[in-house]
Amino acid sequence: MNRKRTAFLTSLTLLMISSINSHNPLKNVSTLEIQAKKTKNKLKPNKRYPSINDKLDVVSMDQYSNSILFMNVTLENFYIKSLIKNNDQSYSLLLTPIKTSNQYFFTTVYSIQGIKRNNYITIQGFLNGRTKIDQNKINFGLNSKYSEIKAISLLTDNIGSID
């Protein structure tokens, strides 16, 4: 190779490297776009997370044994009765299928979007048996009127819309 051709290829390589570094779309992504992608607006129906309404009677969960209460489900538009805001952008939520229900579900979710009591939320996760709202949860900020109630525990995988 002659010197002119070597110089040309070297300058072309340097030009391409500087062009890639200055126009790299991954370096220019704003924080707001990243945060928006972490919270899904609408969870798509998924065979892995069937609707809990299709699998169980959410009005009367006492009829089911503990062995049945271990499955992947989607809680669609469940009402947030009470919550605890933890220090690490997580929220412990006490949910019901409808506003007036006395069947409770308890879960912890991570969300950069603020979650408020009296809103509705859609969650995909794994039912993890029964739990009781103990004094520790009340001390951390859960409403004291829910002390010692039985709830179904849910391990959250995905959060959908929060209305």
N, C-alpha and C. Protein backbone atom coordinates (compact mmCIF):
# COMPACT_ATOMS: atom_id res chain seq x y z
N MET A 1 0.84 -1.17 0.00
CA MET A 1 0.00 0.00 0.00
C MET A 1 0.90 1.24 0.00
N ASN A 2 0.51 2.21 -0.78
CA ASN A 2 1.32 3.44 -0.80
C ASN A 2 0.92 4.38 0.32
N ARG A 3 1.74 5.37 0.55
CA ARG A 3 1.55 6.29 1.68
C ARG A 3 0.27 7.10 1.56
N LYS A 4 -0.12 7.51 0.36
CA LYS A 4 -1.34 8.31 0.20
C LYS A 4 -2.58 7.49 0.58
N ARG A 5 -2.59 6.25 0.13
CA ARG A 5 -3.74 5.39 0.44
C ARG A 5 -3.82 5.10 1.94
N THR A 6 -2.68 4.86 2.59
CA THR A 6 -2.64 4.61 4.04
C THR A 6 -3.12 5.85 4.80
N ALA A 7 -2.70 7.02 4.39
CA ALA A 7 -3.12 8.26 5.03
C ALA A 7 -4.62 8.48 4.85
N PHE A 8 -5.10 8.19 3.65
CA PHE A 8 -6.53 8.34 3.38
C PHE A 8 -7.37 7.40 4.26
N LEU A 9 -7.00 6.14 4.35
CA LEU A 9 -7.74 5.18 5.17
C LEU A 9 -7.67 5.53 6.66
N THR A 10 -6.51 6.00 7.10
CA THR A 10 -6.37 6.40 8.50
C THR A 10 -7.27 7.60 8.81
N SER A 11 -7.29 8.59 7.95
CA SER A 11 -8.13 9.77 8.19
C SER A 11 -9.61 9.40 8.10
N LEU A 12 -9.95 8.51 7.17
CA LEU A 12 -11.34 8.07 7.06
C LEU A 12 -11.77 7.32 8.32
N THR A 13 -10.91 6.48 8.86
CA THR A 13 -11.21 5.74 10.09
C THR A 13 -11.39 6.70 11.26
N LEU A 14 -10.51 7.68 11.40
CA LEU A 14 -10.63 8.66 12.48
C LEU A 14 -11.91 9.49 12.34
N LEU A 15 -12.25 9.83 11.13
CA LEU A 15 -13.46 10.61 10.89
C LEU A 15 -14.70 9.80 11.28
N MET A 16 -14.72 8.53 10.95
CA MET A 16 -15.87 7.69 11.29
C MET A 16 -15.98 7.49 12.80
N ILE A 17 -14.86 7.30 13.49
CA ILE A 17 -14.89 7.12 14.94
C ILE A 17 -15.42 8.37 15.62
N SER A 18 -14.96 9.55 15.19
CA SER A 18 -15.45 10.79 15.81
C SER A 18 -16.92 11.01 15.49
N SER A 19 -17.34 10.62 14.30
CA SER A 19 -18.75 10.76 13.92
C SER A 19 -19.63 9.84 14.76
N ILE A 20 -19.21 8.62 14.98
CA ILE A 20 -19.98 7.68 15.79
C ILE A 20 -20.08 8.17 17.22
N ASN A 21 -18.99 8.67 17.77
CA ASN A 21 -19.00 9.14 19.17
C ASN A 21 -19.89 10.36 19.36
N SER A 22 -19.97 11.24 18.38
CA SER A 22 -20.77 12.45 18.57
C SER A 22 -22.24 12.24 18.22
N HIS A 23 -22.55 11.22 17.44
CA HIS A 23 -23.93 10.97 17.03
C HIS A 23 -24.47 9.66 17.58
N ASN A 24 -23.87 9.15 18.61
CA ASN A 24 -24.31 7.89 19.19
C ASN A 24 -25.65 8.11 19.90
N PRO A 25 -26.71 7.50 19.44
CA PRO A 25 -28.03 7.74 20.06
C PRO A 25 -28.11 7.22 21.49
N LEU A 26 -27.28 6.24 21.82
CA LEU A 26 -27.33 5.71 23.18
C LEU A 26 -26.76 6.70 24.20
N LYS A 27 -25.84 7.55 23.75
CA LYS A 27 -25.28 8.54 24.67
C LYS A 27 -26.20 9.73 24.87
N ASN A 28 -27.14 9.94 23.96
CA ASN A 28 -27.98 11.13 24.02
C ASN A 28 -29.39 10.86 24.53
N VAL A 29 -29.64 9.70 25.07
CA VAL A 29 -30.97 9.39 25.59
C VAL A 29 -31.19 10.18 26.87
N SER A 30 -32.30 10.85 26.94
CA SER A 30 -32.57 11.64 28.13
C SER A 30 -33.08 10.76 29.26
N THR A 31 -32.92 11.22 30.47
CA THR A 31 -33.36 10.48 31.65
C THR A 31 -34.87 10.28 31.63
N LEU A 32 -35.62 11.24 31.15
CA LEU A 32 -37.07 11.11 31.12
C LEU A 32 -37.51 9.96 30.23
N GLU A 33 -36.82 9.76 29.09
CA GLU A 33 -37.17 8.66 28.22
C GLU A 33 -36.89 7.32 28.88
N ILE A 34 -35.79 7.24 29.61
CA ILE A 34 -35.46 6.00 30.31
C ILE A 34 -36.50 5.71 31.37
N GLN A 35 -36.88 6.70 32.15
CA GLN A 35 -37.87 6.50 33.21
C GLN A 35 -39.22 6.12 32.62
N ALA A 36 -39.58 6.70 31.49
CA ALA A 36 -40.87 6.39 30.90
C ALA A 36 -40.92 4.94 30.44
N LYS A 37 -39.81 4.38 30.01
CA LYS A 37 -39.80 3.00 29.55
C LYS A 37 -39.87 2.02 30.70
N LYS A 38 -39.52 2.42 31.90
CA LYS A 38 -39.56 1.51 33.05
C LYS A 38 -40.98 1.27 33.52
N THR A 39 -41.86 2.23 33.39
CA THR A 39 -43.25 2.08 33.82
C THR A 39 -44.09 1.84 32.58
N LYS A 40 -44.74 0.70 32.54
CA LYS A 40 -45.56 0.36 31.38
C LYS A 40 -46.94 0.95 31.57
N ASN A 41 -47.46 1.61 30.54
CA ASN A 41 -48.79 2.19 30.65
C ASN A 41 -49.87 1.12 30.66
N LYS A 42 -49.76 0.18 29.78
CA LYS A 42 -50.77 -0.86 29.66
C LYS A 42 -50.06 -2.19 29.55
N LEU A 43 -50.38 -3.11 30.46
CA LEU A 43 -49.80 -4.44 30.40
C LEU A 43 -50.56 -5.25 29.36
N LYS A 44 -49.83 -5.86 28.46
CA LYS A 44 -50.47 -6.67 27.42
C LYS A 44 -50.94 -7.99 28.02
N PRO A 45 -52.07 -8.50 27.53
CA PRO A 45 -52.50 -9.83 27.98
C PRO A 45 -51.38 -10.84 27.70
N ASN A 46 -51.18 -11.72 28.65
CA ASN A 46 -50.03 -12.60 28.59
C ASN A 46 -50.45 -13.97 29.10
N LYS A 47 -50.11 -15.02 28.37
CA LYS A 47 -50.45 -16.38 28.81
C LYS A 47 -49.76 -16.72 30.12
N ARG A 48 -48.61 -16.12 30.34
CA ARG A 48 -47.88 -16.39 31.57
C ARG A 48 -48.59 -15.78 32.79
N TYR A 49 -49.30 -14.66 32.58
CA TYR A 49 -50.02 -13.99 33.66
C TYR A 49 -51.51 -13.89 33.30
N PRO A 50 -52.26 -14.97 33.47
CA PRO A 50 -53.70 -14.88 33.16
C PRO A 50 -54.40 -13.99 34.18
N SER A 51 -55.53 -13.48 33.81
CA SER A 51 -56.32 -12.65 34.73
C SER A 51 -56.75 -13.48 35.93
N ILE A 52 -56.60 -12.90 37.11
CA ILE A 52 -57.00 -13.62 38.33
C ILE A 52 -58.49 -13.91 38.31
N ASN A 53 -59.27 -13.07 37.66
CA ASN A 53 -60.72 -13.27 37.57
C ASN A 53 -61.08 -14.52 36.77
N ASP A 54 -60.20 -14.92 35.84
CA ASP A 54 -60.44 -16.14 35.06
C ASP A 54 -60.07 -17.40 35.84
N LYS A 55 -59.21 -17.27 36.83
CA LYS A 55 -58.71 -18.44 37.57
C LYS A 55 -59.38 -18.64 38.93
N LEU A 56 -59.69 -17.54 39.61
CA LEU A 56 -60.19 -17.63 40.98
C LEU A 56 -61.37 -16.67 41.19
N ASP A 57 -62.14 -16.95 42.22
CA ASP A 57 -63.21 -16.05 42.63
C ASP A 57 -62.61 -15.06 43.62
N VAL A 58 -62.31 -13.85 43.17
CA VAL A 58 -61.60 -12.88 44.02
C VAL A 58 -62.46 -12.30 45.12
N VAL A 59 -63.77 -12.52 45.07
CA VAL A 59 -64.64 -12.02 46.13
C VAL A 59 -64.51 -12.87 47.38
N SER A 60 -64.27 -14.16 47.21
CA SER A 60 -64.20 -15.08 48.35
C SER A 60 -62.98 -15.99 48.21
N MET A 61 -61.82 -15.49 48.57
CA MET A 61 -60.59 -16.25 48.46
C MET A 61 -60.41 -17.26 49.59
N ASP A 62 -61.24 -17.18 50.63
CA ASP A 62 -61.13 -18.12 51.75
C ASP A 62 -61.45 -19.55 51.35
N GLN A 63 -62.17 -19.73 50.27
CA GLN A 63 -62.54 -21.07 49.83
C GLN A 63 -61.37 -21.87 49.27
N TYR A 64 -60.25 -21.21 48.97
CA TYR A 64 -59.11 -21.88 48.36
C TYR A 64 -58.08 -22.28 49.40
N SER A 65 -57.50 -23.46 49.21
CA SER A 65 -56.44 -23.91 50.11
C SER A 65 -55.14 -23.18 49.76
N ASN A 66 -54.20 -23.22 50.67
CA ASN A 66 -52.91 -22.54 50.44
C ASN A 66 -52.19 -23.09 49.22
N SER A 67 -52.34 -24.37 48.94
CA SER A 67 -51.64 -24.95 47.79
C SER A 67 -52.13 -24.39 46.46
N ILE A 68 -53.35 -23.92 46.40
CA ILE A 68 -53.89 -23.34 45.16
C ILE A 68 -53.40 -21.90 44.98
N LEU A 69 -53.09 -21.23 46.07
CA LEU A 69 -52.74 -19.81 46.01
C LEU A 69 -51.27 -19.58 45.67
N PHE A 70 -50.74 -20.36 44.75
CA PHE A 70 -49.38 -20.17 44.24
C PHE A 70 -49.45 -20.26 42.72
N MET A 71 -49.59 -19.10 42.06
CA MET A 71 -49.69 -19.07 40.60
C MET A 71 -49.43 -17.65 40.10
N ASN A 72 -49.05 -17.56 38.82
CA ASN A 72 -48.91 -16.27 38.16
C ASN A 72 -50.28 -15.73 37.79
N VAL A 73 -50.50 -14.46 38.05
CA VAL A 73 -51.79 -13.83 37.74
C VAL A 73 -51.60 -12.36 37.37
N THR A 74 -52.64 -11.79 36.81
CA THR A 74 -52.72 -10.35 36.58
C THR A 74 -53.87 -9.80 37.41
N LEU A 75 -53.59 -8.81 38.25
CA LEU A 75 -54.62 -8.10 38.99
C LEU A 75 -54.95 -6.85 38.18
N GLU A 76 -56.12 -6.82 37.57
CA GLU A 76 -56.47 -5.72 36.68
C GLU A 76 -57.32 -4.69 37.41
N ASN A 77 -56.84 -3.46 37.43
CA ASN A 77 -57.57 -2.34 38.03
C ASN A 77 -58.02 -2.63 39.46
N PHE A 78 -57.09 -3.03 40.29
CA PHE A 78 -57.38 -3.25 41.71
C PHE A 78 -57.27 -1.92 42.45
N TYR A 79 -58.09 -1.76 43.46
CA TYR A 79 -58.21 -0.52 44.22
C TYR A 79 -57.16 -0.49 45.34
N ILE A 80 -56.46 0.62 45.48
CA ILE A 80 -55.45 0.79 46.52
C ILE A 80 -56.13 1.32 47.78
N LYS A 81 -56.31 0.44 48.76
CA LYS A 81 -56.95 0.82 50.02
C LYS A 81 -56.01 1.61 50.93
N SER A 82 -54.78 1.12 51.05
CA SER A 82 -53.81 1.75 51.93
C SER A 82 -52.42 1.47 51.37
N LEU A 83 -51.44 2.28 51.75
CA LEU A 83 -50.09 2.07 51.25
C LEU A 83 -49.06 2.58 52.24
N ILE A 84 -47.84 2.06 52.06
CA ILE A 84 -46.68 2.51 52.81
C ILE A 84 -45.65 2.94 51.78
N LYS A 85 -45.13 4.16 51.88
CA LYS A 85 -44.05 4.59 51.00
C LYS A 85 -42.74 4.29 51.71
N ASN A 86 -41.97 3.38 51.10
CA ASN A 86 -40.69 2.98 51.67
C ASN A 86 -39.59 3.91 51.20
N ASN A 87 -38.39 3.77 51.76
CA ASN A 87 -37.27 4.67 51.45
C ASN A 87 -36.65 4.43 50.08
N ASP A 88 -36.84 3.27 49.48
CA ASP A 88 -36.13 2.91 48.24
C ASP A 88 -37.02 2.95 47.00
N GLN A 89 -37.89 3.92 46.89
CA GLN A 89 -38.84 4.07 45.78
C GLN A 89 -39.77 2.87 45.66
N SER A 90 -40.01 2.19 46.75
CA SER A 90 -40.97 1.09 46.73
C SER A 90 -42.17 1.46 47.59
N TYR A 91 -43.27 0.82 47.28
CA TYR A 91 -44.51 1.03 47.99
C TYR A 91 -45.06 -0.33 48.39
N SER A 92 -45.50 -0.45 49.62
CA SER A 92 -46.23 -1.63 50.06
C SER A 92 -47.71 -1.28 49.96
N LEU A 93 -48.44 -2.09 49.19
CA LEU A 93 -49.83 -1.76 48.87
C LEU A 93 -50.79 -2.79 49.44
N LEU A 94 -51.90 -2.32 49.94
CA LEU A 94 -53.02 -3.15 50.33
C LEU A 94 -54.11 -2.91 49.29
N LEU A 95 -54.45 -3.95 48.53
CA LEU A 95 -55.35 -3.83 47.38
C LEU A 95 -56.63 -4.62 47.59
N THR A 96 -57.68 -4.20 46.91
CA THR A 96 -58.93 -4.95 46.85
C THR A 96 -59.40 -4.99 45.40
N PRO A 97 -60.18 -6.02 45.02
CA PRO A 97 -60.66 -6.10 43.64
C PRO A 97 -61.56 -4.92 43.25
N ILE A 98 -62.43 -4.51 44.18
CA ILE A 98 -63.27 -3.33 43.97
C ILE A 98 -63.22 -2.48 45.24
N LYS A 99 -63.67 -1.28 45.13
CA LYS A 99 -63.56 -0.32 46.23
C LYS A 99 -64.21 -0.80 47.52
N THR A 100 -65.33 -1.49 47.44
CA THR A 100 -66.09 -1.87 48.63
C THR A 100 -65.79 -3.29 49.12
N SER A 101 -64.84 -3.96 48.52
CA SER A 101 -64.55 -5.35 48.86
C SER A 101 -63.81 -5.46 50.20
N ASN A 102 -63.97 -6.60 50.85
CA ASN A 102 -63.19 -6.87 52.06
C ASN A 102 -62.23 -8.05 51.84
N GLN A 103 -61.95 -8.35 50.56
CA GLN A 103 -60.93 -9.34 50.21
C GLN A 103 -59.65 -8.57 49.85
N TYR A 104 -58.58 -8.79 50.61
CA TYR A 104 -57.38 -7.98 50.49
C TYR A 104 -56.22 -8.74 49.85
N PHE A 105 -55.39 -7.98 49.14
CA PHE A 105 -54.15 -8.48 48.55
C PHE A 105 -53.04 -7.54 49.00
N PHE A 106 -51.89 -8.10 49.36
CA PHE A 106 -50.77 -7.28 49.84
C PHE A 106 -49.55 -7.53 48.97
N THR A 107 -48.91 -6.45 48.52
CA THR A 107 -47.73 -6.57 47.66
C THR A 107 -46.82 -5.37 47.85
N THR A 108 -45.60 -5.51 47.37
CA THR A 108 -44.64 -4.40 47.34
C THR A 108 -44.24 -4.18 45.89
N VAL A 109 -44.30 -2.93 45.44
CA VAL A 109 -43.96 -2.58 44.07
C VAL A 109 -42.90 -1.49 44.08
N TYR A 110 -42.08 -1.47 43.03
CA TYR A 110 -41.09 -0.42 42.83
C TYR A 110 -41.58 0.47 41.71
N SER A 111 -41.66 1.75 41.98
CA SER A 111 -42.18 2.67 40.98
C SER A 111 -41.56 4.04 41.16
N ILE A 112 -41.11 4.61 40.05
CA ILE A 112 -40.64 6.00 40.09
C ILE A 112 -41.82 6.96 39.98
N GLN A 113 -42.92 6.44 39.47
CA GLN A 113 -44.15 7.22 39.40
C GLN A 113 -44.82 7.17 40.77
N GLY A 114 -45.29 8.29 41.23
CA GLY A 114 -45.95 8.32 42.52
C GLY A 114 -47.22 7.48 42.55
N ILE A 115 -47.43 6.77 43.63
CA ILE A 115 -48.64 5.96 43.81
C ILE A 115 -49.41 6.57 44.96
N LYS A 116 -50.72 6.69 44.78
CA LYS A 116 -51.56 7.31 45.80
C LYS A 116 -52.68 6.36 46.22
N ARG A 117 -53.10 6.53 47.45
CA ARG A 117 -54.24 5.79 47.97
C ARG A 117 -55.49 6.19 47.19
N ASN A 118 -56.45 5.30 47.09
CA ASN A 118 -57.73 5.51 46.39
C ASN A 118 -57.58 5.53 44.87
N ASN A 119 -56.45 5.07 44.33
CA ASN A 119 -56.28 4.91 42.90
C ASN A 119 -56.43 3.45 42.53
N TYR A 120 -56.42 3.17 41.23
CA TYR A 120 -56.48 1.81 40.73
C TYR A 120 -55.14 1.47 40.09
N ILE A 121 -54.76 0.18 40.17
CA ILE A 121 -53.48 -0.25 39.63
C ILE A 121 -53.63 -1.63 39.00
N THR A 122 -52.85 -1.89 37.97
CA THR A 122 -52.80 -3.21 37.33
C THR A 122 -51.41 -3.78 37.58
N ILE A 123 -51.37 -5.03 38.05
CA ILE A 123 -50.11 -5.67 38.44
C ILE A 123 -50.08 -7.09 37.89
N GLN A 124 -48.92 -7.49 37.39
CA GLN A 124 -48.67 -8.89 37.05
C GLN A 124 -47.69 -9.44 38.07
N GLY A 125 -47.98 -10.62 38.59
CA GLY A 125 -47.09 -11.19 39.59
C GLY A 125 -47.47 -12.61 39.97
N PHE A 126 -46.93 -13.05 41.09
CA PHE A 126 -47.08 -14.42 41.56
C PHE A 126 -47.77 -14.43 42.91
N LEU A 127 -48.93 -15.10 42.98
CA LEU A 127 -49.60 -15.26 44.27
C LEU A 127 -48.72 -16.10 45.17
N ASN A 128 -48.56 -15.66 46.41
CA ASN A 128 -47.60 -16.29 47.32
C ASN A 128 -48.27 -16.70 48.63
N GLY A 129 -49.49 -17.23 48.57
CA GLY A 129 -50.16 -17.70 49.77
C GLY A 129 -50.81 -16.58 50.57
N ARG A 130 -51.08 -16.89 51.83
CA ARG A 130 -51.76 -15.94 52.71
C ARG A 130 -50.76 -15.24 53.63
N THR A 131 -51.15 -14.05 54.07
CA THR A 131 -50.37 -13.29 55.04
C THR A 131 -51.34 -12.57 55.96
N LYS A 132 -50.81 -12.02 57.02
CA LYS A 132 -51.63 -11.23 57.95
C LYS A 132 -50.96 -9.87 58.10
N ILE A 133 -51.76 -8.83 58.14
CA ILE A 133 -51.24 -7.48 58.33
C ILE A 133 -50.87 -7.34 59.81
N ASP A 134 -49.58 -7.38 60.09
CA ASP A 134 -49.11 -7.36 61.47
C ASP A 134 -48.81 -5.93 61.95
N GLN A 135 -48.43 -5.83 63.19
CA GLN A 135 -48.18 -4.52 63.81
C GLN A 135 -47.01 -3.79 63.15
N ASN A 136 -46.02 -4.51 62.64
CA ASN A 136 -44.88 -3.86 61.96
C ASN A 136 -45.36 -3.05 60.76
N LYS A 137 -46.25 -3.61 59.97
CA LYS A 137 -46.77 -2.90 58.79
C LYS A 137 -47.59 -1.68 59.22
N ILE A 138 -48.30 -1.80 60.30
CA ILE A 138 -49.07 -0.67 60.82
C ILE A 138 -48.11 0.42 61.31
N ASN A 139 -47.05 0.02 62.01
CA ASN A 139 -46.06 0.98 62.50
C ASN A 139 -45.36 1.73 61.38
N PHE A 140 -45.18 1.08 60.22
CA PHE A 140 -44.53 1.74 59.08
C PHE A 140 -45.45 2.66 58.31
N GLY A 141 -46.75 2.63 58.59
CA GLY A 141 -47.63 3.61 57.96
C GLY A 141 -48.90 3.07 57.36
N LEU A 142 -49.14 1.77 57.41
CA LEU A 142 -50.40 1.24 56.91
C LEU A 142 -51.51 1.65 57.87
N ASN A 143 -52.67 1.93 57.35
CA ASN A 143 -53.80 2.38 58.17
C ASN A 143 -54.09 1.35 59.26
N SER A 144 -54.24 1.81 60.50
CA SER A 144 -54.41 0.91 61.66
C SER A 144 -55.73 0.14 61.62
N LYS A 145 -56.71 0.58 60.85
CA LYS A 145 -57.97 -0.17 60.79
C LYS A 145 -57.81 -1.51 60.07
N TYR A 146 -56.67 -1.72 59.39
CA TYR A 146 -56.40 -2.98 58.71
C TYR A 146 -55.52 -3.92 59.55
N SER A 147 -55.33 -3.60 60.80
CA SER A 147 -54.51 -4.44 61.69
C SER A 147 -55.13 -5.83 61.84
N GLU A 148 -54.28 -6.83 61.71
CA GLU A 148 -54.64 -8.24 61.91
C GLU A 148 -55.60 -8.81 60.86
N ILE A 149 -55.79 -8.14 59.73
CA ILE A 149 -56.64 -8.73 58.69
C ILE A 149 -55.83 -9.72 57.88
N LYS A 150 -56.51 -10.68 57.26
CA LYS A 150 -55.87 -11.65 56.39
C LYS A 150 -55.85 -11.10 54.97
N ALA A 151 -54.75 -11.36 54.28
CA ALA A 151 -54.60 -10.90 52.90
C ALA A 151 -53.88 -11.98 52.09
N ILE A 152 -53.99 -11.88 50.78
CA ILE A 152 -53.27 -12.76 49.88
C ILE A 152 -51.99 -12.02 49.48
N SER A 153 -50.87 -12.69 49.64
CA SER A 153 -49.57 -12.09 49.31
C SER A 153 -49.31 -12.22 47.82
N LEU A 154 -48.74 -11.18 47.23
CA LEU A 154 -48.42 -11.16 45.81
C LEU A 154 -46.99 -10.65 45.63
N LEU A 155 -46.18 -11.40 44.88
CA LEU A 155 -44.85 -10.96 44.50
C LEU A 155 -44.96 -10.30 43.13
N THR A 156 -44.69 -9.02 43.03
CA THR A 156 -44.92 -8.24 41.82
C THR A 156 -43.78 -8.40 40.82
N ASP A 157 -44.16 -8.66 39.55
CA ASP A 157 -43.19 -8.71 38.45
C ASP A 157 -43.27 -7.46 37.60
N ASN A 158 -44.49 -7.03 37.25
CA ASN A 158 -44.70 -5.86 36.38
C ASN A 158 -45.83 -5.01 36.91
N ILE A 159 -45.68 -3.69 36.73
CA ILE A 159 -46.74 -2.75 37.07
C ILE A 159 -47.27 -2.16 35.78
N GLY A 160 -48.58 -2.05 35.69
CA GLY A 160 -49.19 -1.41 34.53
C GLY A 160 -49.68 -0.03 34.88
N SER A 161 -50.84 0.28 34.40
CA SER A 161 -51.39 1.61 34.58
C SER A 161 -51.75 1.87 36.04
N ILE A 162 -51.55 3.11 36.43
CA ILE A 162 -51.94 3.58 37.76
C ILE A 162 -52.90 4.74 37.53
N ASP A 163 -54.16 4.55 37.87
CA ASP A 163 -55.17 5.59 37.65
C ASP A 163 -55.67 6.14 38.96
